Amino acid sequence: DVTEFKLSFGKAYLAPVYDFASKEIVAHSISMCPNLAQQKEMLQMLMDAKPAGAEPILHSDMGWQYQHKAYISALADNGFIQSMSRKGNCIDNGATEQVFGHLKDEFFRGQDWQTFESF
């Protein structure tokens, strides 16, 4: 999933992978545009962090980027099982949305950055 931050310089988008078991963000990408390049960067970080022999399940909503052939292929080629929310069921993403809320409450609210690089 991707979350948006509105800042003085414009918008920034965070695409993290949250591990429900360890409660850690194990991969992420921050971009000024929520595009496929951002997802590829996040996936590369995730692939580099995956333990050998592991077959993790990666859950997401039904966003266009998670249905893109390149995204689906990258997961399959690297031993990930893709899980996707049902259409119109936001409850499936409740845990990730909660992480976004905590992140914004603890890191973002009341702060501002003048440039993307400083953010």
PDB file of N, CA and C in Angstrom:
ATOM      1  N   ASP A   1       0.832  -1.177   0.000  1.00  0.00           N
ATOM      2  CA  ASP A   1       0.000   0.000   0.000  1.00  0.00           C
ATOM      3  C   ASP A   1       0.881   1.246   0.000  1.00  0.00           C
ATOM      4  N   VAL A   2       0.326   2.341  -0.422  1.00  0.00           N
ATOM      5  CA  VAL A   2       1.047   3.605  -0.519  1.00  0.00           C
ATOM      6  C   VAL A   2       0.293   4.653   0.288  1.00  0.00           C
ATOM      7  N   THR A   3       1.034   5.485   1.011  1.00  0.00           N
ATOM      8  CA  THR A   3       0.407   6.598   1.718  1.00  0.00           C
ATOM      9  C   THR A   3       1.046   7.903   1.266  1.00  0.00           C
ATOM     10  N   GLU A   4       0.266   8.967   1.348  1.00  0.00           N
ATOM     11  CA  GLU A   4       0.674  10.276   0.829  1.00  0.00           C
ATOM     12  C   GLU A   4       0.957  11.246   1.973  1.00  0.00           C
ATOM     13  N   PHE A   5       1.996  12.055   1.792  1.00  0.00           N
ATOM     14  CA  PHE A   5       2.346  13.127   2.715  1.00  0.00           C
ATOM     15  C   PHE A   5       2.282  14.440   1.945  1.00  0.00           C
ATOM     16  N   LYS A   6       1.532  15.424   2.451  1.00  0.00           N
ATOM     17  CA  LYS A   6       1.459  16.753   1.830  1.00  0.00           C
ATOM     18  C   LYS A   6       2.428  17.665   2.575  1.00  0.00           C
ATOM     19  N   LEU A   7       3.361  18.263   1.819  1.00  0.00           N
ATOM     20  CA  LEU A   7       4.434  19.055   2.399  1.00  0.00           C
ATOM     21  C   LEU A   7       4.581  20.371   1.651  1.00  0.00           C
ATOM     22  N   SER A   8       5.429  21.262   2.139  1.00  0.00           N
ATOM     23  CA  SER A   8       5.640  22.558   1.494  1.00  0.00           C
ATOM     24  C   SER A   8       6.085  22.424   0.046  1.00  0.00           C
ATOM     25  N   PHE A   9       6.936  21.463  -0.243  1.00  0.00           N
ATOM     26  CA  PHE A   9       7.470  21.305  -1.594  1.00  0.00           C
ATOM     27  C   PHE A   9       6.505  20.570  -2.522  1.00  0.00           C
ATOM     28  N   GLY A  10       5.478  19.966  -1.972  1.00  0.00           N
ATOM     29  CA  GLY A  10       4.521  19.186  -2.764  1.00  0.00           C
ATOM     30  C   GLY A  10       4.140  17.925  -2.010  1.00  0.00           C
ATOM     31  N   LYS A  11       4.053  16.831  -2.712  1.00  0.00           N
ATOM     32  CA  LYS A  11       3.653  15.576  -2.088  1.00  0.00           C
ATOM     33  C   LYS A  11       4.790  14.557  -2.151  1.00  0.00           C
ATOM     34  N   ALA A  12       4.800  13.693  -1.151  1.00  0.00           N
ATOM     35  CA  ALA A  12       5.724  12.563  -1.123  1.00  0.00           C
ATOM     36  C   ALA A  12       4.894  11.319  -0.829  1.00  0.00           C
ATOM     37  N   TYR A  13       5.311  10.209  -1.389  1.00  0.00           N
ATOM     38  CA  TYR A  13       4.571   8.962  -1.245  1.00  0.00           C
ATOM     39  C   TYR A  13       5.486   7.892  -0.669  1.00  0.00           C
ATOM     40  N   LEU A  14       4.977   7.196   0.328  1.00  0.00           N
ATOM     41  CA  LEU A  14       5.711   6.117   0.978  1.00  0.00           C
ATOM     42  C   LEU A  14       5.057   4.788   0.617  1.00  0.00           C
ATOM     43  N   ALA A  15       5.856   3.880   0.101  1.00  0.00           N
ATOM     44  CA  ALA A  15       5.411   2.513  -0.202  1.00  0.00           C
ATOM     45  C   ALA A  15       6.231   1.567   0.678  1.00  0.00           C
ATOM     46  N   PRO A  16       5.689   1.175   1.829  1.00  0.00           N
ATOM     47  CA  PRO A  16       6.429   0.273   2.712  1.00  0.00           C
ATOM     48  C   PRO A  16       5.925  -1.161   2.627  1.00  0.00           C
ATOM     49  N   VAL A  17       6.741  -2.085   3.112  1.00  0.00           N
ATOM     50  CA  VAL A  17       6.310  -3.458   3.343  1.00  0.00           C
ATOM     51  C   VAL A  17       6.440  -3.672   4.844  1.00  0.00           C
ATOM     52  N   TYR A  18       5.313  -3.918   5.472  1.00  0.00           N
ATOM     53  CA  TYR A  18       5.241  -4.107   6.916  1.00  0.00           C
ATOM     54  C   TYR A  18       5.145  -5.597   7.223  1.00  0.00           C
ATOM     55  N   ASP A  19       6.074  -6.095   8.017  1.00  0.00           N
ATOM     56  CA  ASP A  19       6.086  -7.502   8.416  1.00  0.00           C
ATOM     57  C   ASP A  19       5.214  -7.655   9.658  1.00  0.00           C
ATOM     58  N   PHE A  20       4.087  -8.344   9.514  1.00  0.00           N
ATOM     59  CA  PHE A  20       3.157  -8.504  10.634  1.00  0.00           C
ATOM     60  C   PHE A  20       3.758  -9.307  11.776  1.00  0.00           C
ATOM     61  N   ALA A  21       4.709 -10.187  11.482  1.00  0.00           N
ATOM     62  CA  ALA A  21       5.314 -11.017  12.526  1.00  0.00           C
ATOM     63  C   ALA A  21       6.315 -10.225  13.367  1.00  0.00           C
ATOM     64  N   SER A  22       7.231  -9.531  12.713  1.00  0.00           N
ATOM     65  CA  SER A  22       8.273  -8.813  13.447  1.00  0.00           C
ATOM     66  C   SER A  22       7.874  -7.388  13.816  1.00  0.00           C
ATOM     67  N   LYS A  23       6.784  -6.894  13.218  1.00  0.00           N
ATOM     68  CA  LYS A  23       6.305  -5.517  13.436  1.00  0.00           C
ATOM     69  C   LYS A  23       7.308  -4.482  12.923  1.00  0.00           C
ATOM     70  N   GLU A  24       8.026  -4.845  11.866  1.00  0.00           N
ATOM     71  CA  GLU A  24       9.024  -3.963  11.279  1.00  0.00           C
ATOM     72  C   GLU A  24       8.661  -3.625   9.840  1.00  0.00           C
ATOM     73  N   ILE A  25       9.096  -2.463   9.394  1.00  0.00           N
ATOM     74  CA  ILE A  25       9.033  -2.143   7.973  1.00  0.00           C
ATOM     75  C   ILE A  25      10.308  -2.722   7.380  1.00  0.00           C
ATOM     76  N   VAL A  26      10.162  -3.745   6.533  1.00  0.00           N
ATOM     77  CA  VAL A  26      11.321  -4.482   6.029  1.00  0.00           C
ATOM     78  C   VAL A  26      11.810  -3.970   4.678  1.00  0.00           C
ATOM     79  N   ALA A  27      11.006  -3.158   4.021  1.00  0.00           N
ATOM     80  CA  ALA A  27      11.400  -2.546   2.750  1.00  0.00           C
ATOM     81  C   ALA A  27      10.513  -1.321   2.549  1.00  0.00           C
ATOM     82  N   HIS A  28      11.026  -0.342   1.806  1.00  0.00           N
ATOM     83  CA  HIS A  28      10.227   0.851   1.544  1.00  0.00           C
ATOM     84  C   HIS A  28      10.810   1.618   0.359  1.00  0.00           C
ATOM     85  N   SER A  29       9.993   2.497  -0.155  1.00  0.00           N
ATOM     86  CA  SER A  29      10.445   3.456  -1.157  1.00  0.00           C
ATOM     87  C   SER A  29       9.689   4.747  -0.923  1.00  0.00           C
ATOM     88  N   ILE A  30      10.380   5.854  -1.025  1.00  0.00           N
ATOM     89  CA  ILE A  30       9.769   7.176  -0.906  1.00  0.00           C
ATOM     90  C   ILE A  30       9.967   7.880  -2.243  1.00  0.00           C
ATOM     91  N   SER A  31       8.881   8.426  -2.777  1.00  0.00           N
ATOM     92  CA  SER A  31       8.918   8.999  -4.112  1.00  0.00           C
ATOM     93  C   SER A  31       8.029  10.235  -4.177  1.00  0.00           C
ATOM     94  N   MET A  32       8.259  11.068  -5.162  1.00  0.00           N
ATOM     95  CA  MET A  32       7.377  12.213  -5.392  1.00  0.00           C
ATOM     96  C   MET A  32       6.198  11.828  -6.274  1.00  0.00           C
ATOM     97  N   CYS A  33       6.210  10.601  -6.773  1.00  0.00           N
ATOM     98  CA  CYS A  33       5.137  10.121  -7.647  1.00  0.00           C
ATOM     99  C   CYS A  33       4.886   8.644  -7.350  1.00  0.00           C
ATOM    100  N   PRO A  34       3.640   8.267  -7.082  1.00  0.00           N
ATOM    101  CA  PRO A  34       3.363   6.857  -6.796  1.00  0.00           C
ATOM    102  C   PRO A  34       3.268   6.049  -8.081  1.00  0.00           C
ATOM    103  N   ASN A  35       4.410   5.691  -8.624  1.00  0.00           N
ATOM    104  CA  ASN A  35       4.429   5.033  -9.931  1.00  0.00           C
ATOM    105  C   ASN A  35       5.072   3.651  -9.833  1.00  0.00           C
ATOM    106  N   LEU A  36       5.180   2.988 -10.964  1.00  0.00           N
ATOM    107  CA  LEU A  36       5.747   1.648 -10.994  1.00  0.00           C
ATOM    108  C   LEU A  36       7.230   1.646 -10.623  1.00  0.00           C
ATOM    109  N   ALA A  37       7.941   2.719 -10.951  1.00  0.00           N
ATOM    110  CA  ALA A  37       9.356   2.803 -10.573  1.00  0.00           C
ATOM    111  C   ALA A  37       9.501   2.751  -9.051  1.00  0.00           C
ATOM    112  N   GLN A  38       8.604   3.389  -8.339  1.00  0.00           N
ATOM    113  CA  GLN A  38       8.632   3.341  -6.881  1.00  0.00           C
ATOM    114  C   GLN A  38       8.427   1.911  -6.398  1.00  0.00           C
ATOM    115  N   GLN A  39       7.484   1.217  -6.993  1.00  0.00           N
ATOM    116  CA  GLN A  39       7.214  -0.161  -6.589  1.00  0.00           C
ATOM    117  C   GLN A  39       8.403  -1.075  -6.897  1.00  0.00           C
ATOM    118  N   LYS A  40       9.054  -0.847  -8.030  1.00  0.00           N
ATOM    119  CA  LYS A  40      10.230  -1.652  -8.382  1.00  0.00           C
ATOM    120  C   LYS A  40      11.362  -1.434  -7.387  1.00  0.00           C
ATOM    121  N   GLU A  41      11.561  -0.184  -6.957  1.00  0.00           N
ATOM    122  CA  GLU A  41      12.590   0.114  -5.959  1.00  0.00           C
ATOM    123  C   GLU A  41      12.279  -0.585  -4.637  1.00  0.00           C
ATOM    124  N   MET A  42      11.015  -0.520  -4.216  1.00  0.00           N
ATOM    125  CA  MET A  42      10.603  -1.169  -2.979  1.00  0.00           C
ATOM    126  C   MET A  42      10.779  -2.684  -3.094  1.00  0.00           C
ATOM    127  N   LEU A  43      10.380  -3.252  -4.234  1.00  0.00           N
ATOM    128  CA  LEU A  43      10.518  -4.694  -4.425  1.00  0.00           C
ATOM    129  C   LEU A  43      11.976  -5.136  -4.397  1.00  0.00           C
ATOM    130  N   GLN A  44      12.871  -4.345  -4.982  1.00  0.00           N
ATOM    131  CA  GLN A  44      14.288  -4.717  -4.966  1.00  0.00           C
ATOM    132  C   GLN A  44      14.814  -4.746  -3.535  1.00  0.00           C
ATOM    133  N   MET A  45      14.418  -3.768  -2.724  1.00  0.00           N
ATOM    134  CA  MET A  45      14.835  -3.754  -1.320  1.00  0.00           C
ATOM    135  C   MET A  45      14.263  -4.977  -0.595  1.00  0.00           C
ATOM    136  N   LEU A  46      13.030  -5.322  -0.918  1.00  0.00           N
ATOM    137  CA  LEU A  46      12.387  -6.478  -0.303  1.00  0.00           C
ATOM    138  C   LEU A  46      13.082  -7.774  -0.716  1.00  0.00           C
ATOM    139  N   MET A  47      13.400  -7.916  -1.986  1.00  0.00           N
ATOM    140  CA  MET A  47      14.074  -9.119  -2.473  1.00  0.00           C
ATOM    141  C   MET A  47      15.445  -9.280  -1.814  1.00  0.00           C
ATOM    142  N   ASP A  48      16.144  -8.158  -1.648  1.00  0.00           N
ATOM    143  CA  ASP A  48      17.469  -8.194  -1.019  1.00  0.00           C
ATOM    144  C   ASP A  48      17.383  -8.607   0.450  1.00  0.00           C
ATOM    145  N   ALA A  49      16.243  -8.302   1.103  1.00  0.00           N
ATOM    146  CA  ALA A  49      16.087  -8.586   2.534  1.00  0.00           C
ATOM    147  C   ALA A  49      15.495  -9.970   2.811  1.00  0.00           C
ATOM    148  N   LYS A  50      14.949 -10.630   1.802  1.00  0.00           N
ATOM    149  CA  LYS A  50      14.265 -11.918   2.004  1.00  0.00           C
ATOM    150  C   LYS A  50      15.267 -13.006   2.351  1.00  0.00           C
ATOM    151  N   PRO A  51      15.023 -13.716   3.453  1.00  0.00           N
ATOM    152  CA  PRO A  51      15.910 -14.828   3.807  1.00  0.00           C
ATOM    153  C   PRO A  51      15.851 -15.934   2.758  1.00  0.00           C
ATOM    154  N   ALA A  52      16.971 -16.571   2.529  1.00  0.00           N
ATOM    155  CA  ALA A  52      17.039 -17.675   1.558  1.00  0.00           C
ATOM    156  C   ALA A  52      16.051 -18.766   1.947  1.00  0.00           C
ATOM    157  N   GLY A  53      15.334 -19.264   0.956  1.00  0.00           N
ATOM    158  CA  GLY A  53      14.393 -20.348   1.175  1.00  0.00           C
ATOM    159  C   GLY A  53      13.027 -19.943   1.699  1.00  0.00           C
ATOM    160  N   ALA A  54      12.881 -18.687   2.107  1.00  0.00           N
ATOM    161  CA  ALA A  54      11.591 -18.224   2.621  1.00  0.00           C
ATOM    162  C   ALA A  54      10.601 -18.043   1.473  1.00  0.00           C
ATOM    163  N   GLU A  55       9.337 -18.290   1.741  1.00  0.00           N
ATOM    164  CA  GLU A  55       8.258 -18.081   0.772  1.00  0.00           C
ATOM    165  C   GLU A  55       7.185 -17.220   1.422  1.00  0.00           C
ATOM    166  N   PRO A  56       7.484 -15.948   1.655  1.00  0.00           N
ATOM    167  CA  PRO A  56       6.547 -15.083   2.373  1.00  0.00           C
ATOM    168  C   PRO A  56       5.309 -14.748   1.542  1.00  0.00           C
ATOM    169  N   ILE A  57       4.245 -14.406   2.253  1.00  0.00           N
ATOM    170  CA  ILE A  57       3.019 -13.937   1.627  1.00  0.00           C
ATOM    171  C   ILE A  57       3.045 -12.418   1.682  1.00  0.00           C
ATOM    172  N   LEU A  58       2.847 -11.789   0.546  1.00  0.00           N
ATOM    173  CA  LEU A  58       2.825 -10.329   0.477  1.00  0.00           C
ATOM    174  C   LEU A  58       1.403  -9.891   0.156  1.00  0.00           C
ATOM    175  N   HIS A  59       0.770  -9.208   1.109  1.00  0.00           N
ATOM    176  CA  HIS A  59      -0.624  -8.778   0.953  1.00  0.00           C
ATOM    177  C   HIS A  59      -0.679  -7.311   0.544  1.00  0.00           C
ATOM    178  N   SER A  60      -1.630  -6.986  -0.321  1.00  0.00           N
ATOM    179  CA  SER A  60      -1.835  -5.591  -0.735  1.00  0.00           C
ATOM    180  C   SER A  60      -3.306  -5.380  -1.065  1.00  0.00           C
ATOM    181  N   ASP A  61      -3.624  -4.122  -1.335  1.00  0.00           N
ATOM    182  CA  ASP A  61      -4.959  -3.827  -1.832  1.00  0.00           C
ATOM    183  C   ASP A  61      -4.973  -4.103  -3.338  1.00  0.00           C
ATOM    184  N   MET A  62      -6.023  -3.680  -4.027  1.00  0.00           N
ATOM    185  CA  MET A  62      -6.153  -3.974  -5.454  1.00  0.00           C
ATOM    186  C   MET A  62      -5.664  -2.827  -6.335  1.00  0.00           C
ATOM    187  N   GLY A  63      -4.729  -2.031  -5.824  1.00  0.00           N
ATOM    188  CA  GLY A  63      -4.194  -0.918  -6.606  1.00  0.00           C
ATOM    189  C   GLY A  63      -3.611  -1.384  -7.932  1.00  0.00           C
ATOM    190  N   TRP A  64      -3.618  -0.473  -8.900  1.00  0.00           N
ATOM    191  CA  TRP A  64      -3.142  -0.817 -10.254  1.00  0.00           C
ATOM    192  C   TRP A  64      -1.719  -1.378 -10.234  1.00  0.00           C
ATOM    193  N   GLN A  65      -0.867  -0.817  -9.362  1.00  0.00           N
ATOM    194  CA  GLN A  65       0.532  -1.235  -9.356  1.00  0.00           C
ATOM    195  C   GLN A  65       0.681  -2.686  -8.907  1.00  0.00           C
ATOM    196  N   TYR A  66      -0.230  -3.156  -8.040  1.00  0.00           N
ATOM    197  CA  TYR A  66      -0.139  -4.528  -7.534  1.00  0.00           C
ATOM    198  C   TYR A  66      -0.749  -5.535  -8.511  1.00  0.00           C
ATOM    199  N   GLN A  67      -1.420  -5.039  -9.526  1.00  0.00           N
ATOM    200  CA  GLN A  67      -1.975  -5.892 -10.570  1.00  0.00           C
ATOM    201  C   GLN A  67      -1.130  -5.847 -11.847  1.00  0.00           C
ATOM    202  N   HIS A  68      -0.086  -5.009 -11.832  1.00  0.00           N
ATOM    203  CA  HIS A  68       0.771  -4.847 -13.006  1.00  0.00           C
ATOM    204  C   HIS A  68       1.596  -6.120 -13.233  1.00  0.00           C
ATOM    205  N   LYS A  69       1.753  -6.480 -14.473  1.00  0.00           N
ATOM    206  CA  LYS A  69       2.477  -7.702 -14.840  1.00  0.00           C
ATOM    207  C   LYS A  69       3.894  -7.731 -14.263  1.00  0.00           C
ATOM    208  N   ALA A  70       4.604  -6.602 -14.309  1.00  0.00           N
ATOM    209  CA  ALA A  70       5.976  -6.554 -13.797  1.00  0.00           C
ATOM    210  C   ALA A  70       6.017  -6.826 -12.295  1.00  0.00           C
ATOM    211  N   TYR A  71       5.051  -6.300 -11.553  1.00  0.00           N
ATOM    212  CA  TYR A  71       4.977  -6.503 -10.103  1.00  0.00           C
ATOM    213  C   TYR A  71       4.682  -7.971  -9.785  1.00  0.00           C
ATOM    214  N   ILE A  72       3.666  -8.504 -10.442  1.00  0.00           N
ATOM    215  CA  ILE A  72       3.272  -9.896 -10.220  1.00  0.00           C
ATOM    216  C   ILE A  72       4.422 -10.842 -10.567  1.00  0.00           C
ATOM    217  N   SER A  73       5.094 -10.588 -11.671  1.00  0.00           N
ATOM    218  CA  SER A  73       6.219 -11.429 -12.101  1.00  0.00           C
ATOM    219  C   SER A  73       7.374 -11.360 -11.119  1.00  0.00           C
ATOM    220  N   ALA A  74       7.678 -10.157 -10.640  1.00  0.00           N
ATOM    221  CA  ALA A  74       8.784 -10.010  -9.687  1.00  0.00           C
ATOM    222  C   ALA A  74       8.514 -10.810  -8.424  1.00  0.00           C
ATOM    223  N   LEU A  75       7.289 -10.780  -7.936  1.00  0.00           N
ATOM    224  CA  LEU A  75       6.957 -11.564  -6.743  1.00  0.00           C
ATOM    225  C   LEU A  75       7.111 -13.058  -7.020  1.00  0.00           C
ATOM    226  N   ALA A  76       6.494 -13.524  -8.085  1.00  0.00           N
ATOM    227  CA  ALA A  76       6.533 -14.952  -8.407  1.00  0.00           C
ATOM    228  C   ALA A  76       7.956 -15.440  -8.658  1.00  0.00           C
ATOM    229  N   ASP A  77       8.740 -14.650  -9.378  1.00  0.00           N
ATOM    230  CA  ASP A  77      10.113 -15.037  -9.708  1.00  0.00           C
ATOM    231  C   ASP A  77      11.028 -15.099  -8.486  1.00  0.00           C
ATOM    232  N   ASN A  78      10.610 -14.439  -7.400  1.00  0.00           N
ATOM    233  CA  ASN A  78      11.450 -14.376  -6.206  1.00  0.00           C
ATOM    234  C   ASN A  78      10.861 -15.117  -5.014  1.00  0.00           C
ATOM    235  N   GLY A  79       9.895 -15.996  -5.274  1.00  0.00           N
ATOM    236  CA  GLY A  79       9.386 -16.866  -4.223  1.00  0.00           C
ATOM    237  C   GLY A  79       8.363 -16.258  -3.286  1.00  0.00           C
ATOM    238  N   PHE A  80       7.707 -15.193  -3.695  1.00  0.00           N
ATOM    239  CA  PHE A  80       6.665 -14.587  -2.877  1.00  0.00           C
ATOM    240  C   PHE A  80       5.303 -15.093  -3.326  1.00  0.00           C
ATOM    241  N   ILE A  81       4.394 -15.243  -2.387  1.00  0.00           N
ATOM    242  CA  ILE A  81       3.006 -15.577  -2.676  1.00  0.00           C
ATOM    243  C   ILE A  81       2.220 -14.279  -2.578  1.00  0.00           C
ATOM    244  N   GLN A  82       1.521 -13.915  -3.643  1.00  0.00           N
ATOM    245  CA  GLN A  82       0.773 -12.666  -3.643  1.00  0.00           C
ATOM    246  C   GLN A  82      -0.626 -12.881  -3.084  1.00  0.00           C
ATOM    247  N   SER A  83      -1.013 -12.002  -2.175  1.00  0.00           N
ATOM    248  CA  SER A  83      -2.345 -11.970  -1.593  1.00  0.00           C
ATOM    249  C   SER A  83      -2.909 -10.582  -1.852  1.00  0.00           C
ATOM    250  N   MET A  84      -4.171 -10.510  -2.217  1.00  0.00           N
ATOM    251  CA  MET A  84      -4.758  -9.210  -2.549  1.00  0.00           C
ATOM    252  C   MET A  84      -6.135  -9.086  -1.903  1.00  0.00           C
ATOM    253  N   SER A  85      -6.432  -7.895  -1.415  1.00  0.00           N
ATOM    254  CA  SER A  85      -7.736  -7.622  -0.813  1.00  0.00           C
ATOM    255  C   SER A  85      -8.858  -7.859  -1.798  1.00  0.00           C
ATOM    256  N   ARG A  86     -10.001  -8.163  -1.245  1.00  0.00           N
ATOM    257  CA  ARG A  86     -11.196  -8.250  -2.074  1.00  0.00           C
ATOM    258  C   ARG A  86     -11.653  -6.848  -2.420  1.00  0.00           C
ATOM    259  N   LYS A  87     -12.279  -6.685  -3.549  1.00  0.00           N
ATOM    260  CA  LYS A  87     -12.757  -5.378  -3.994  1.00  0.00           C
ATOM    261  C   LYS A  87     -13.755  -4.820  -2.981  1.00  0.00           C
ATOM    262  N   GLY A  88     -13.536  -3.565  -2.619  1.00  0.00           N
ATOM    263  CA  GLY A  88     -14.455  -2.879  -1.719  1.00  0.00           C
ATOM    264  C   GLY A  88     -14.374  -3.316  -0.273  1.00  0.00           C
ATOM    265  N   ASN A  89     -13.303  -4.005   0.133  1.00  0.00           N
ATOM    266  CA  ASN A  89     -13.182  -4.473   1.507  1.00  0.00           C
ATOM    267  C   ASN A  89     -11.950  -3.853   2.152  1.00  0.00           C
ATOM    268  N   CYS A  90     -12.125  -2.685   2.705  1.00  0.00           N
ATOM    269  CA  CYS A  90     -10.992  -1.975   3.304  1.00  0.00           C
ATOM    270  C   CYS A  90     -10.514  -2.628   4.595  1.00  0.00           C
ATOM    271  N   ILE A  91     -11.312  -3.482   5.202  1.00  0.00           N
ATOM    272  CA  ILE A  91     -10.918  -4.137   6.445  1.00  0.00           C
ATOM    273  C   ILE A  91      -9.685  -5.009   6.236  1.00  0.00           C
ATOM    274  N   ASP A  92      -9.529  -5.557   5.039  1.00  0.00           N
ATOM    275  CA  ASP A  92      -8.365  -6.389   4.734  1.00  0.00           C
ATOM    276  C   ASP A  92      -7.049  -5.633   4.937  1.00  0.00           C
ATOM    277  N   ASN A  93      -7.066  -4.328   4.763  1.00  0.00           N
ATOM    278  CA  ASN A  93      -5.849  -3.530   4.888  1.00  0.00           C
ATOM    279  C   ASN A  93      -5.779  -2.760   6.202  1.00  0.00           C
ATOM    280  N   GLY A  94      -6.600  -3.116   7.145  1.00  0.00           N
ATOM    281  CA  GLY A  94      -6.664  -2.405   8.419  1.00  0.00           C
ATOM    282  C   GLY A  94      -5.335  -2.312   9.144  1.00  0.00           C
ATOM    283  N   ALA A  95      -4.569  -3.409   9.159  1.00  0.00           N
ATOM    284  CA  ALA A  95      -3.294  -3.406   9.884  1.00  0.00           C
ATOM    285  C   ALA A  95      -2.302  -2.428   9.267  1.00  0.00           C
ATOM    286  N   THR A  96      -2.223  -2.415   7.947  1.00  0.00           N
ATOM    287  CA  THR A  96      -1.300  -1.492   7.278  1.00  0.00           C
ATOM    288  C   THR A  96      -1.761  -0.051   7.449  1.00  0.00           C
ATOM    289  N   GLU A  97      -3.060   0.186   7.354  1.00  0.00           N
ATOM    290  CA  GLU A  97      -3.577   1.540   7.550  1.00  0.00           C
ATOM    291  C   GLU A  97      -3.303   2.022   8.969  1.00  0.00           C
ATOM    292  N   GLN A  98      -3.331   1.117   9.938  1.00  0.00           N
ATOM    293  CA  GLN A  98      -3.008   1.473  11.312  1.00  0.00           C
ATOM    294  C   GLN A  98      -1.533   1.887  11.425  1.00  0.00           C
ATOM    295  N   VAL A  99      -0.653   1.182  10.725  1.00  0.00           N
ATOM    296  CA  VAL A  99       0.768   1.544  10.708  1.00  0.00           C
ATOM    297  C   VAL A  99       0.928   2.949  10.115  1.00  0.00           C
ATOM    298  N   PHE A 100       0.224   3.225   9.012  1.00  0.00           N
ATOM    299  CA  PHE A 100       0.281   4.560   8.407  1.00  0.00           C
ATOM    300  C   PHE A 100      -0.166   5.619   9.409  1.00  0.00           C
ATOM    301  N   GLY A 101      -1.233   5.349  10.130  1.00  0.00           N
ATOM    302  CA  GLY A 101      -1.736   6.300  11.123  1.00  0.00           C
ATOM    303  C   GLY A 101      -0.720   6.583  12.211  1.00  0.00           C
ATOM    304  N   HIS A 102      -0.114   5.521  12.749  1.00  0.00           N
ATOM    305  CA  HIS A 102       0.908   5.705  13.793  1.00  0.00           C
ATOM    306  C   HIS A 102       2.116   6.463  13.252  1.00  0.00           C
ATOM    307  N   LEU A 103       2.537   6.129  12.055  1.00  0.00           N
ATOM    308  CA  LEU A 103       3.679   6.798  11.438  1.00  0.00           C
ATOM    309  C   LEU A 103       3.407   8.296  11.294  1.00  0.00           C
ATOM    310  N   LYS A 104       2.227   8.622  10.817  1.00  0.00           N
ATOM    311  CA  LYS A 104       1.888  10.037  10.643  1.00  0.00           C
ATOM    312  C   LYS A 104       1.745  10.749  11.979  1.00  0.00           C
ATOM    313  N   ASP A 105       1.166  10.081  12.974  1.00  0.00           N
ATOM    314  CA  ASP A 105       1.021  10.693  14.298  1.00  0.00           C
ATOM    315  C   ASP A 105       2.367  10.935  14.965  1.00  0.00           C
ATOM    316  N   GLU A 106       3.265   9.974  14.878  1.00  0.00           N
ATOM    317  CA  GLU A 106       4.527  10.045  15.615  1.00  0.00           C
ATOM    318  C   GLU A 106       5.660  10.734  14.866  1.00  0.00           C
ATOM    319  N   PHE A 107       5.597  10.750  13.537  1.00  0.00           N
ATOM    320  CA  PHE A 107       6.704  11.285  12.758  1.00  0.00           C
ATOM    321  C   PHE A 107       6.331  12.556  11.997  1.00  0.00           C
ATOM    322  N   PHE A 108       5.137  12.600  11.471  1.00  0.00           N
ATOM    323  CA  PHE A 108       4.798  13.611  10.485  1.00  0.00           C
ATOM    324  C   PHE A 108       4.025  14.818  11.027  1.00  0.00           C
ATOM    325  N   ARG A 109       2.997  14.603  11.811  1.00  0.00           N
ATOM    326  CA  ARG A 109       2.111  15.700  12.230  1.00  0.00           C
ATOM    327  C   ARG A 109       2.892  16.791  12.951  1.00  0.00           C
ATOM    328  N   GLY A 110       2.643  18.035  12.531  1.00  0.00           N
ATOM    329  CA  GLY A 110       3.310  19.185  13.120  1.00  0.00           C
ATOM    330  C   GLY A 110       4.688  19.449  12.552  1.00  0.00           C
ATOM    331  N   GLN A 111       5.124  18.650  11.602  1.00  0.00           N
ATOM    332  CA  GLN A 111       6.437  18.800  10.983  1.00  0.00           C
ATOM    333  C   GLN A 111       6.265  19.264   9.541  1.00  0.00           C
ATOM    334  N   ASP A 112       7.317  19.821   8.993  1.00  0.00           N
ATOM    335  CA  ASP A 112       7.329  20.136   7.567  1.00  0.00           C
ATOM    336  C   ASP A 112       8.770  20.073   7.085  1.00  0.00           C
ATOM    337  N   TRP A 113       8.934  19.766   5.837  1.00  0.00           N
ATOM    338  CA  TRP A 113      10.237  19.713   5.195  1.00  0.00           C
ATOM    339  C   TRP A 113      10.152  20.575   3.956  1.00  0.00           C
ATOM    340  N   GLN A 114      11.199  21.308   3.679  1.00  0.00           N
ATOM    341  CA  GLN A 114      11.190  22.247   2.565  1.00  0.00           C
ATOM    342  C   GLN A 114      11.553  21.586   1.230  1.00  0.00           C
ATOM    343  N   THR A 115      12.229  20.446   1.305  1.00  0.00           N
ATOM    344  CA  THR A 115      12.633  19.761   0.082  1.00  0.00           C
ATOM    345  C   THR A 115      12.361  18.262   0.224  1.00  0.00           C
ATOM    346  N   PHE A 116      12.212  17.615  -0.900  1.00  0.00           N
ATOM    347  CA  PHE A 116      12.008  16.169  -0.909  1.00  0.00           C
ATOM    348  C   PHE A 116      13.209  15.472  -0.285  1.00  0.00           C
ATOM    349  N   GLU A 117      14.405  15.925  -0.606  1.00  0.00           N
ATOM    350  CA  GLU A 117      15.623  15.296  -0.098  1.00  0.00           C
ATOM    351  C   GLU A 117      15.706  15.366   1.433  1.00  0.00           C
ATOM    352  N   SER A 118      15.272  16.473   2.033  1.00  0.00           N
ATOM    353  CA  SER A 118      15.322  16.581   3.489  1.00  0.00           C
ATOM    354  C   SER A 118      14.230  15.745   4.141  1.00  0.00           C
ATOM    355  N   PHE A 119      13.149  15.508   3.443  1.00  0.00           N
ATOM    356  CA  PHE A 119      12.071  14.671   3.970  1.00  0.00           C
ATOM    357  C   PHE A 119      12.565  13.238   4.080  1.00  0.00           C
TER     358      PHE A 119
END
